[in-house]
Amino acid sequence: MISAEEIVSRIEGGIEGAKAEVTDIGGGNHWSARVVATSFEGVSLVKRHQMVYATVKDKMLPHDESIHALQLKTLTPAEAAN
């Protein structure tokens, strides 16, 4: 199992300038994350998601089943302000 706090710590530690909010949306292995980061500026949505997944990939299949699903909302600070 992984906690919301650990996911937040991994995301914020792995993406410069990131602030993350993580919520368990089912069973302790389905999560929703809202990540705001200055390093998302000028980066495509797909690349943003790849950046987040890279911080938790060892907790996802095929390595681990702690995170079965991770729903993402990734924003720059300007996008989050709107």
Protein backbone atom coordinates (compact mmCIF):
# COMPACT_ATOMS: atom_id res chain seq x y z
CA MET A 1 0.00 0.00 0.00
CA ILE A 2 0.99 3.58 -0.54
CA SER A 3 -0.38 6.64 1.24
CA ALA A 4 -1.56 9.93 -0.23
CA GLU A 5 1.27 11.61 1.69
CA GLU A 6 3.88 9.39 0.04
CA ILE A 7 2.48 10.08 -3.44
CA VAL A 8 2.53 13.84 -2.71
CA SER A 9 6.12 13.58 -1.47
CA ARG A 10 7.23 11.68 -4.56
CA ILE A 11 5.55 14.11 -6.97
CA GLU A 12 6.77 17.26 -5.19
CA GLY A 13 10.26 15.78 -4.81
CA GLY A 14 10.46 14.67 -8.42
CA ILE A 15 9.05 17.69 -10.24
CA GLU A 16 10.64 21.06 -9.65
CA GLY A 17 8.24 23.65 -8.29
CA ALA A 18 5.35 21.17 -7.94
CA LYS A 19 2.53 21.33 -5.43
CA ALA A 20 0.34 18.25 -5.35
CA GLU A 21 -3.00 17.31 -3.83
CA VAL A 22 -3.79 13.60 -3.82
CA THR A 23 -7.09 11.89 -2.97
CA ASP A 24 -7.93 8.21 -2.58
CA ILE A 25 -10.87 7.59 -4.90
CA GLY A 26 -11.28 3.91 -4.19
CA GLY A 27 -9.79 0.96 -2.38
CA GLY A 28 -6.46 2.51 -1.44
CA ASN A 29 -5.03 1.93 -4.91
CA HIS A 30 -7.13 4.28 -7.08
CA TRP A 31 -5.94 7.86 -6.77
CA SER A 32 -6.68 11.32 -8.11
CA ALA A 33 -3.92 13.93 -8.20
CA ARG A 34 -3.98 17.65 -8.95
CA VAL A 35 -0.47 18.89 -9.66
CA VAL A 36 0.48 22.53 -10.19
CA ALA A 37 4.05 23.14 -11.33
CA THR A 38 6.07 25.90 -12.92
CA SER A 39 7.98 23.22 -14.82
CA PHE A 40 4.79 22.39 -16.76
CA GLU A 41 5.01 25.72 -18.62
CA GLY A 42 5.36 25.10 -22.36
CA VAL A 43 5.02 21.33 -21.87
CA SER A 44 2.32 19.23 -23.56
CA LEU A 45 -0.36 17.50 -21.51
CA VAL A 46 1.07 14.08 -22.42
CA LYS A 47 4.57 15.09 -21.29
CA ARG A 48 3.18 16.53 -18.03
CA HIS A 49 1.47 13.23 -17.28
CA GLN A 50 4.65 11.33 -18.15
CA MET A 51 6.56 13.56 -15.70
CA VAL A 52 4.12 12.68 -12.90
CA TYR A 53 4.02 8.97 -13.74
CA ALA A 54 7.84 8.88 -13.64
CA THR A 55 7.74 9.82 -9.94
CA VAL A 56 5.57 6.82 -8.98
CA LYS A 57 6.28 4.24 -11.70
CA ASP A 58 7.86 1.77 -9.27
CA LYS A 59 4.52 1.64 -7.38
CA MET A 60 2.53 0.79 -10.53
CA LEU A 61 2.27 -2.42 -12.54
CA PRO A 62 4.30 -4.37 -13.51
CA HIS A 63 6.54 -3.54 -10.51
CA ASP A 64 3.92 -3.14 -7.80
CA GLU A 65 0.14 -2.85 -7.45
CA SER A 66 0.10 -0.03 -4.87
CA ILE A 67 -1.22 2.35 -7.54
CA HIS A 68 -3.70 0.65 -9.86
CA ALA A 69 -5.11 3.89 -11.29
CA LEU A 70 -3.93 7.49 -11.15
CA GLN A 71 -6.24 10.20 -12.48
CA LEU A 72 -4.28 13.39 -13.21
CA LYS A 73 -4.99 17.07 -13.55
CA THR A 74 -1.75 18.90 -14.36
CA LEU A 75 -1.61 22.69 -14.46
CA THR A 76 0.80 25.59 -14.61
CA PRO A 77 0.35 28.24 -11.89
CA ALA A 78 -1.33 30.53 -14.45
CA GLU A 79 -3.77 27.79 -15.48
CA ALA A 80 -4.55 27.02 -11.84
CA ALA A 81 -5.33 30.69 -11.18
CA ASN A 82 -8.08 30.74 -13.84
